[in-house]
């Protein structure tokens, strides 16, 4: 049975989401540990700034819930109000909707598809992606492509990065002329850099744990790179700060920002914290002259384009509904595989036994024609013995059902 469970921006506030987030450095270990649990056959973990979700083929979702609670040391009572659990077919539908961007804060945003693909690659590397989940996600990618190519779901998209620029322009008359500091060098920071730098800022700095990677991004926009431990010396020089790292703890504390504000002589500082867990201590938002926004705060901006995409959403949901039914059909066909394999093994044993018997007769000098005739008769009798005995012994409705099944299986037409 395929299950999906987790929390997202619809069900849980940021304070809860950051407690169960998986950093990239912990993901392989987490996948391996969960897959070792009894009854968990396959598993993939999707962890982004807006969601932490576990997709699995398992006997029961409860054992996965127990593991999630224990792994992050979050009491189930604290997690329960925000946790959703889907089984078939809802788990399949949810996976398709997530891949299509229908469950995102920004309806139709394309970044989530790349994040799902990263989650699948991580599960493949960890050896926890089996036949069912592999097929599920391949179908999800196919559905996402179909939805994006046949509907207007991605039209006039408002991205998180574009929303950040919009908010900055509420604080400053223009992004042009401002000094921008990007903290991190991952995909989200690259997207933000593309949007902010399109506005021709005065200066760009990239702070990253690995200076070489930060320099690669900074040079793309004519900027400079610094190490993360140099932040306290450089923070005051920047008007706009955009942060998104995988740090498990805040890297910008209240004291650091207080000193920066003082050095800036209370000129406003705009900070966007896109990380989960947060990169910036929550108390920073209470400072005068500091405008701190988290991923949840961007919701008001990105919702503005929702109405124009409602018709496309309806179309997309229709496509997803059809593809869910097709995938359920594939899963049901998988249920017959053990029976088919057993049937083939049984017939193969009969064939080998009768072949050996025929070869012995030929070795004794029996005529080939007689041996072939006997082989065919004995094989036919053995093949038909079990089904005919079962039909003869059946009574009432059971007999009717077996007769109907036999007619379908062997394409019989008793009335002809």
Protein backbone atom coordinates (compact mmCIF):
# COMPACT_ATOMS: atom_id res chain seq x y z
CA UNK A 1 0.00 0.00 0.00
CA UNK A 2 1.32 3.45 -0.90
CA UNK A 3 1.04 6.18 1.76
CA UNK A 4 2.03 9.83 1.90
CA UNK A 5 2.18 11.81 5.12
CA UNK A 6 3.64 15.05 6.38
CA UNK A 7 3.02 18.72 7.01
CA UNK A 8 3.08 21.74 4.73
CA UNK A 9 2.36 25.47 4.64
CA UNK A 10 -1.38 24.75 4.46
CA UNK A 11 -1.43 22.60 7.60
CA UNK A 12 1.34 23.92 9.83
CA UNK A 13 3.03 27.22 10.74
CA UNK A 14 6.73 27.77 10.12
CA UNK A 15 7.55 27.14 13.79
CA UNK A 16 6.33 23.54 13.39
CA UNK A 17 7.66 22.96 9.87
CA UNK A 18 11.21 23.83 10.83
CA UNK A 19 11.18 21.28 13.64
CA UNK A 20 10.70 18.36 11.23
CA UNK A 21 12.75 19.58 8.26
CA UNK A 22 15.50 17.34 6.83
CA UNK A 23 18.74 18.98 5.82
CA UNK A 24 20.50 17.58 2.76
CA UNK A 25 23.31 16.30 4.96
CA UNK A 26 20.90 14.19 7.03
CA UNK A 27 18.65 12.89 4.29
CA UNK A 28 20.62 9.77 3.32
CA UNK A 29 20.92 8.66 6.94
CA UNK A 30 17.21 9.30 7.55
CA UNK A 31 16.15 7.32 4.48
CA UNK A 32 18.34 4.39 5.45
CA UNK A 33 17.10 4.36 9.02
CA UNK A 34 13.43 4.53 8.06
CA UNK A 35 13.79 1.83 5.39
CA UNK A 36 15.19 -0.52 8.02
CA UNK A 37 11.94 -0.32 9.97
CA UNK A 38 9.70 -3.36 9.96
CA UNK A 39 6.99 -3.15 7.31
CA UNK A 40 8.52 -0.22 5.39
CA UNK A 41 9.43 -1.50 1.92
CA UNK A 42 10.11 1.72 -0.01
CA UNK A 43 10.50 5.36 1.05
CA UNK A 44 11.29 8.83 -0.30
CA UNK A 45 11.45 12.08 1.67
CA UNK A 46 10.58 15.50 0.23
CA UNK A 47 11.76 18.35 2.47
CA UNK A 48 11.50 21.98 1.29
CA UNK A 49 10.85 25.35 2.89
CA UNK A 50 7.11 24.71 2.56
CA UNK A 51 6.75 21.01 3.31
CA UNK A 52 8.18 17.85 4.81
CA UNK A 53 6.53 14.78 3.29
CA UNK A 54 7.28 11.08 3.38
CA UNK A 55 6.13 8.82 0.56
CA UNK A 56 6.30 5.12 1.31
CA UNK A 57 5.16 1.65 0.45
CA UNK A 58 4.44 0.19 3.86
CA UNK A 59 2.07 -1.96 5.87
CA UNK A 60 0.83 0.99 7.92
CA UNK A 61 1.55 4.74 8.09
CA UNK A 62 1.60 4.75 11.89
CA UNK A 63 5.05 3.23 12.10
CA UNK A 64 6.32 6.05 9.86
CA UNK A 65 4.61 8.66 12.05
CA UNK A 66 6.25 7.07 15.10
CA UNK A 67 9.64 7.22 13.39
CA UNK A 68 9.22 10.87 12.28
CA UNK A 69 8.31 11.91 15.82
CA UNK A 70 11.24 10.01 17.35
CA UNK A 71 13.78 11.10 14.71
CA UNK A 72 13.12 14.80 15.24
CA UNK A 73 12.31 14.42 18.95
CA UNK A 74 8.92 16.06 18.49
CA UNK A 75 6.10 14.69 20.62
CA UNK A 76 3.31 13.16 18.54
CA UNK A 77 0.82 15.26 20.49
CA UNK A 78 2.59 18.39 19.18
CA UNK A 79 2.70 17.03 15.63
CA UNK A 80 -0.78 15.48 15.38
CA UNK A 81 -2.83 18.68 14.81
CA UNK A 82 -0.78 19.53 11.73
CA UNK A 83 -0.07 16.10 10.26
CA UNK A 84 -1.95 14.70 7.26
CA UNK A 85 -1.91 11.07 6.15
CA UNK A 86 -3.08 9.87 2.72
CA UNK A 87 -3.52 6.29 1.55
CA UNK A 88 -4.53 5.05 -1.89
CA UNK A 89 -5.83 6.64 -4.02
CA UNK A 90 -5.40 9.97 -2.19
CA UNK A 91 -1.65 9.39 -1.73
CA UNK A 92 -1.24 9.03 -5.50
CA UNK A 93 -3.36 12.09 -6.21
CA UNK A 94 -1.37 14.10 -3.67
CA UNK A 95 1.94 13.15 -5.27
CA UNK A 96 0.66 14.20 -8.70
CA UNK A 97 -0.73 17.51 -7.34
CA UNK A 98 2.54 18.31 -5.58
CA UNK A 99 4.59 17.64 -8.73
CA UNK A 100 2.24 19.85 -10.77
CA UNK A 101 2.54 22.73 -8.31
CA UNK A 102 -1.15 22.60 -7.36
CA UNK A 103 -0.33 22.18 -3.67
CA UNK A 104 2.27 24.96 -3.60
CA UNK A 105 2.08 28.36 -1.97
CA UNK A 106 2.39 29.73 -5.51
CA UNK A 107 -0.06 27.72 -7.62
CA UNK A 108 1.73 26.24 -10.60
CA UNK A 109 5.26 27.25 -9.54
CA UNK A 110 7.85 25.11 -11.34
CA UNK A 111 10.54 24.87 -8.62
CA UNK A 112 8.70 22.12 -6.73
CA UNK A 113 9.10 19.70 -9.65
CA UNK A 114 12.87 20.01 -9.41
CA UNK A 115 12.68 19.50 -5.65
CA UNK A 116 10.63 16.32 -6.11
CA UNK A 117 13.21 15.06 -8.62
CA UNK A 118 15.97 15.77 -6.09
CA UNK A 119 14.04 13.76 -3.48
CA UNK A 120 13.72 10.83 -5.90
CA UNK A 121 17.44 10.93 -6.71
CA UNK A 122 18.24 10.92 -3.00
CA UNK A 123 16.02 7.86 -2.47
CA UNK A 124 17.63 6.10 -5.44
CA UNK A 125 21.09 6.80 -4.03
CA UNK A 126 20.03 5.50 -0.62
CA UNK A 127 18.57 2.38 -2.23
CA UNK A 128 15.09 3.00 -0.79
CA UNK A 129 13.20 3.57 -4.06
CA UNK A 130 11.54 0.34 -5.22
CA UNK A 131 9.28 -0.54 -8.13
CA UNK A 132 6.10 1.10 -6.84
CA UNK A 133 7.55 4.48 -5.80
CA UNK A 134 9.75 4.61 -8.90
CA UNK A 135 6.67 4.15 -11.08
CA UNK A 136 4.68 6.63 -8.96
CA UNK A 137 7.18 9.44 -9.38
CA UNK A 138 7.83 8.76 -13.06
CA UNK A 139 4.07 9.05 -13.61
CA UNK A 140 4.05 12.21 -11.46
CA UNK A 141 6.73 13.80 -13.67
CA UNK A 142 4.78 12.82 -16.77
CA UNK A 143 1.55 14.31 -15.38
CA UNK A 144 3.37 17.54 -14.46
CA UNK A 145 4.66 17.85 -18.01
CA UNK A 146 1.20 17.19 -19.43
CA UNK A 147 -0.45 19.75 -17.14
CA UNK A 148 2.14 22.43 -17.91
CA UNK A 149 1.95 21.87 -21.68
CA UNK A 150 -1.86 21.61 -22.02
CA UNK A 151 -3.13 24.16 -19.46
CA UNK A 152 -2.30 27.75 -18.49
CA UNK A 153 -1.30 26.72 -14.98
CA UNK A 154 2.09 28.41 -15.29
CA UNK A 155 0.85 31.62 -16.90
CA UNK A 156 1.80 34.86 -15.14
CA UNK A 157 3.52 32.90 -12.42
CA UNK A 158 4.49 34.78 -9.27
CA UNK A 159 7.58 33.15 -7.79
CA UNK A 160 8.88 33.42 -4.25
CA UNK A 161 11.85 35.33 -5.62
CA UNK A 162 9.65 37.80 -7.49
CA UNK A 163 7.54 38.24 -4.36
CA UNK A 164 10.71 39.13 -2.43
CA UNK A 165 11.52 41.87 -4.94
CA UNK A 166 7.96 43.18 -4.66
CA UNK A 167 8.25 43.40 -0.88
CA UNK A 168 11.63 45.13 -1.09
CA UNK A 169 10.11 47.79 -3.30
CA UNK A 170 7.63 48.53 -0.53
CA UNK A 171 10.52 49.44 1.77
CA UNK A 172 12.81 51.11 -0.74
CA UNK A 173 11.63 53.19 -3.64
CA UNK A 174 13.67 50.95 -5.90
CA UNK A 175 16.00 47.98 -5.58
CA UNK A 176 18.38 49.81 -7.89
CA UNK A 177 20.93 51.65 -5.80
CA UNK A 178 20.70 49.23 -2.86
CA UNK A 179 23.42 46.90 -1.61
CA UNK A 180 22.29 43.27 -1.54
CA UNK A 181 23.69 40.38 0.49
CA UNK A 182 22.76 36.83 -0.48
CA UNK A 183 23.47 34.19 2.16
CA UNK A 184 23.81 30.71 0.68
CA UNK A 185 24.36 29.62 -2.91
CA UNK A 186 21.67 27.00 -3.51
CA UNK A 187 18.88 26.92 -6.08
CA UNK A 188 16.57 29.29 -4.19
CA UNK A 189 19.33 31.89 -3.74
CA UNK A 190 20.20 31.59 -7.43
CA UNK A 191 16.55 32.30 -8.31
CA UNK A 192 16.45 35.26 -5.95
CA UNK A 193 19.73 36.59 -7.30
CA UNK A 194 18.36 36.48 -10.84
CA UNK A 195 15.26 38.48 -9.84
CA UNK A 196 16.95 41.02 -7.57
CA UNK A 197 19.95 41.59 -9.83
CA UNK A 198 17.66 42.25 -12.78
CA UNK A 199 16.82 45.48 -10.94
CA UNK A 200 20.47 46.66 -11.17
CA UNK A 201 21.45 46.91 -7.48
CA UNK A 202 24.42 49.04 -6.46
CA UNK A 203 26.43 46.09 -5.11
CA UNK A 204 26.08 42.34 -4.66
CA UNK A 205 27.74 40.13 -2.06
CA UNK A 206 27.36 36.36 -1.63
CA UNK A 207 28.17 34.76 1.74
CA UNK A 208 28.54 31.01 1.65
CA UNK A 209 30.18 28.27 3.67
CA UNK A 210 32.13 27.27 0.55
CA UNK A 211 33.66 30.48 -0.78
CA UNK A 212 34.39 29.00 -4.22
CA UNK A 213 30.72 28.24 -4.86
CA UNK A 214 29.72 31.64 -3.54
CA UNK A 215 32.26 33.31 -5.81
CA UNK A 216 30.85 31.52 -8.86
CA UNK A 217 27.41 32.99 -8.17
CA UNK A 218 28.74 36.43 -7.20
CA UNK A 219 30.85 36.81 -10.35
CA UNK A 220 27.79 36.11 -12.47
CA UNK A 221 26.40 39.45 -11.26
CA UNK A 222 29.62 41.37 -10.86
CA UNK A 223 29.69 40.85 -7.09
CA UNK A 224 32.07 39.58 -4.43
CA UNK A 225 32.06 36.54 -2.15
CA UNK A 226 32.76 36.21 1.58
CA UNK A 227 32.77 33.39 4.12
CA UNK A 228 29.84 32.88 6.46
CA UNK A 229 32.02 33.66 9.47
CA UNK A 230 32.66 37.13 7.98
CA UNK A 231 28.97 38.08 8.21
CA UNK A 232 29.26 40.15 11.41
CA UNK A 233 31.81 42.45 9.72
CA UNK A 234 29.79 42.92 6.52
CA UNK A 235 26.12 42.86 7.52
CA UNK A 236 25.85 46.61 8.22
CA UNK A 237 27.03 47.45 4.71
CA UNK A 238 23.93 45.93 3.09
CA UNK A 239 20.39 47.27 2.70
CA UNK A 240 18.79 44.02 1.52
CA UNK A 241 19.61 40.57 2.90
CA UNK A 242 18.24 37.36 1.38
CA UNK A 243 19.11 34.15 3.22
CA UNK A 244 18.48 30.49 2.46
CA UNK A 245 20.95 27.96 3.83
CA UNK A 246 20.67 24.43 5.17
CA UNK A 247 21.93 25.40 8.60
CA UNK A 248 20.08 23.61 11.43
CA UNK A 249 20.47 26.71 13.65
CA UNK A 250 20.07 30.46 12.98
CA UNK A 251 23.19 32.07 11.54
CA UNK A 252 22.00 35.67 12.04
CA UNK A 253 21.30 36.42 15.67
CA UNK A 254 19.61 39.33 17.39
CA UNK A 255 22.88 40.78 18.68
CA UNK A 256 24.49 40.72 15.23
CA UNK A 257 21.60 42.65 13.69
CA UNK A 258 21.41 45.12 16.58
CA UNK A 259 25.05 46.04 16.02
CA UNK A 260 24.47 46.33 12.27
CA UNK A 261 21.46 48.65 12.73
CA UNK A 262 23.46 50.84 15.08
CA UNK A 263 26.33 51.05 12.57
CA UNK A 264 23.82 51.93 9.85
CA UNK A 265 22.51 54.79 12.00
CA UNK A 266 19.05 53.27 11.80
CA UNK A 267 18.75 53.27 8.03
CA UNK A 268 16.18 50.53 7.18
CA UNK A 269 17.31 46.97 6.56
CA UNK A 270 15.15 44.53 4.59
CA UNK A 271 15.67 40.82 5.34
CA UNK A 272 14.05 37.85 3.58
CA UNK A 273 14.58 34.54 5.37
CA UNK A 274 13.61 31.69 3.03
CA UNK A 275 15.25 28.94 5.07
CA UNK A 276 13.51 26.17 7.00
CA UNK A 277 14.70 25.93 9.76
CA UNK A 278 15.07 29.70 9.93
CA UNK A 279 18.41 31.39 9.29
CA UNK A 280 17.43 34.54 11.21
CA UNK A 281 16.36 34.59 14.85
CA UNK A 282 12.67 35.42 15.15
CA UNK A 283 13.33 38.28 17.59
CA UNK A 284 15.13 40.22 14.83
CA UNK A 285 11.73 41.08 13.37
CA UNK A 286 10.88 43.08 16.50
CA UNK A 287 13.72 45.57 15.96
CA UNK A 288 12.95 49.06 14.73
CA UNK A 289 14.25 49.77 11.23
CA UNK A 290 14.39 46.03 10.40
CA UNK A 291 11.81 44.51 8.08
CA UNK A 292 12.00 40.70 8.37
CA UNK A 293 9.93 38.42 6.17
CA UNK A 294 9.77 34.59 6.22
CA UNK A 295 8.42 32.19 3.60
CA UNK A 296 4.99 32.35 5.24
CA UNK A 297 4.97 36.14 5.08
CA UNK A 298 5.27 35.96 1.28
CA UNK A 299 1.90 34.21 1.02
CA UNK A 300 -0.05 37.47 0.73
CA UNK A 301 1.99 38.48 -2.30
CA UNK A 302 1.88 35.22 -4.16
CA UNK A 303 -1.86 34.77 -3.61
CA UNK A 304 -2.56 37.82 -5.78
CA UNK A 305 -2.30 35.84 -9.01
CA UNK A 306 -4.40 32.91 -7.85
CA UNK A 307 -7.77 33.92 -9.35
CA UNK A 308 -6.39 34.20 -12.87
CA UNK A 309 -5.24 30.59 -12.68
CA UNK A 310 -8.41 29.00 -11.29
CA UNK A 311 -9.68 27.81 -14.69
CA UNK A 312 -6.32 26.16 -15.37
CA UNK A 313 -6.45 24.51 -11.95
CA UNK A 314 -9.79 22.90 -12.81
CA UNK A 315 -8.33 21.54 -16.05
CA UNK A 316 -5.25 20.27 -14.23
CA UNK A 317 -7.35 18.50 -11.58
CA UNK A 318 -9.26 16.73 -14.35
CA UNK A 319 -6.04 15.47 -15.92
CA UNK A 320 -4.74 14.33 -12.55
CA UNK A 321 -7.98 12.44 -11.84
CA UNK A 322 -7.61 10.46 -15.06
CA UNK A 323 -3.96 9.67 -14.45
CA UNK A 324 -4.67 8.54 -10.88
CA UNK A 325 -7.14 5.96 -12.18
CA UNK A 326 -4.58 4.73 -14.70
CA UNK A 327 -1.96 4.35 -11.99
CA UNK A 328 -4.40 2.48 -9.76
CA UNK A 329 -4.99 0.11 -12.68
CA UNK A 330 -1.24 -0.47 -12.91
CA UNK A 331 -1.05 -1.18 -9.17
CA UNK A 332 -3.94 -3.66 -9.42
CA UNK A 333 -2.19 -5.43 -12.29
CA UNK A 334 0.84 -5.76 -10.03
CA UNK A 335 -1.30 -7.67 -7.53
CA UNK A 336 -1.71 -10.52 -10.05
CA UNK A 337 2.03 -10.93 -10.64
CA UNK A 338 2.59 -13.49 -7.82
CA UNK A 339 -0.35 -15.61 -9.04
CA UNK A 340 0.85 -15.50 -12.64
CA UNK A 341 4.38 -16.41 -11.55
CA UNK A 342 3.08 -19.32 -9.47
CA UNK A 343 0.93 -20.53 -12.37
CA UNK A 344 3.84 -20.41 -14.78
CA UNK A 345 6.11 -22.24 -12.31
CA UNK A 346 3.51 -24.98 -11.86
CA UNK A 347 3.05 -25.49 -15.60
CA UNK A 348 6.80 -25.45 -16.14
CA UNK A 349 7.23 -28.27 -13.60
CA UNK A 350 4.55 -30.31 -15.42
CA UNK A 351 6.23 -29.67 -18.77
CA UNK A 352 9.66 -30.77 -17.55
CA UNK A 353 8.27 -33.89 -15.89
CA UNK A 354 6.41 -34.97 -19.02
CA UNK A 355 9.37 -34.16 -21.23
CA UNK A 356 11.63 -36.37 -19.11
CA UNK A 357 9.03 -39.15 -19.30
CA UNK A 358 8.85 -38.86 -23.10
CA UNK A 359 12.67 -38.86 -23.43
CA UNK A 360 12.84 -42.10 -21.43
CA UNK A 361 10.29 -43.73 -23.75
CA UNK A 362 12.23 -42.62 -26.79
CA UNK A 363 15.41 -44.07 -25.28
CA UNK A 364 13.62 -47.40 -24.93
CA UNK A 365 12.86 -47.39 -28.66
CA UNK A 366 9.21 -46.32 -28.64
CA UNK A 367 8.07 -44.70 -31.89
CA UNK A 368 8.27 -40.88 -31.89
CA UNK A 369 4.66 -40.58 -33.08
CA UNK A 370 3.37 -42.64 -30.15
CA UNK A 371 5.55 -40.73 -27.65
CA UNK A 372 4.37 -37.35 -28.94
CA UNK A 373 0.73 -38.43 -28.76
CA UNK A 374 1.18 -39.70 -25.20
CA UNK A 375 3.09 -36.52 -24.21
CA UNK A 376 0.32 -34.27 -25.42
CA UNK A 377 -2.41 -36.35 -23.72
CA UNK A 378 -0.60 -36.54 -20.37
CA UNK A 379 0.22 -32.81 -20.44
CA UNK A 380 -3.38 -31.87 -21.30
CA UNK A 381 -4.75 -34.06 -18.52
CA UNK A 382 -2.40 -32.57 -15.94
CA UNK A 383 -3.14 -29.01 -17.00
CA UNK A 384 -6.90 -29.55 -16.83
CA UNK A 385 -7.06 -31.74 -13.72
CA UNK A 386 -7.07 -28.99 -11.09
CA UNK A 387 -9.56 -26.59 -12.79
CA UNK A 388 -12.00 -29.37 -13.80
CA UNK A 389 -11.91 -30.93 -10.33
CA UNK A 390 -12.59 -27.52 -8.76
CA UNK A 391 -15.49 -26.86 -11.14
CA UNK A 392 -17.04 -30.29 -10.53
CA UNK A 393 -16.81 -29.87 -6.75
CA UNK A 394 -18.29 -26.35 -6.73
CA UNK A 395 -21.96 -25.66 -5.95
CA UNK A 396 -24.42 -22.81 -6.27
CA UNK A 397 -23.06 -19.29 -6.67
CA UNK A 398 -19.51 -20.52 -6.29
CA UNK A 399 -19.95 -22.76 -9.35
CA UNK A 400 -21.47 -19.91 -11.38
CA UNK A 401 -18.57 -17.62 -10.46
CA UNK A 402 -15.96 -20.24 -11.35
CA UNK A 403 -17.66 -21.02 -14.66
CA UNK A 404 -17.73 -17.34 -15.57
CA UNK A 405 -14.07 -16.94 -14.57
CA UNK A 406 -13.04 -20.00 -16.61
CA UNK A 407 -14.88 -18.67 -19.66
CA UNK A 408 -13.04 -15.35 -19.37
CA UNK A 409 -9.63 -16.84 -18.64
CA UNK A 410 -9.72 -19.36 -21.50
CA UNK A 411 -11.92 -17.35 -23.92
CA UNK A 412 -14.57 -20.07 -23.96
CA UNK A 413 -17.96 -19.76 -25.63
CA UNK A 414 -20.05 -22.63 -24.15
CA UNK A 415 -23.13 -21.69 -26.22
CA UNK A 416 -21.36 -21.96 -29.55
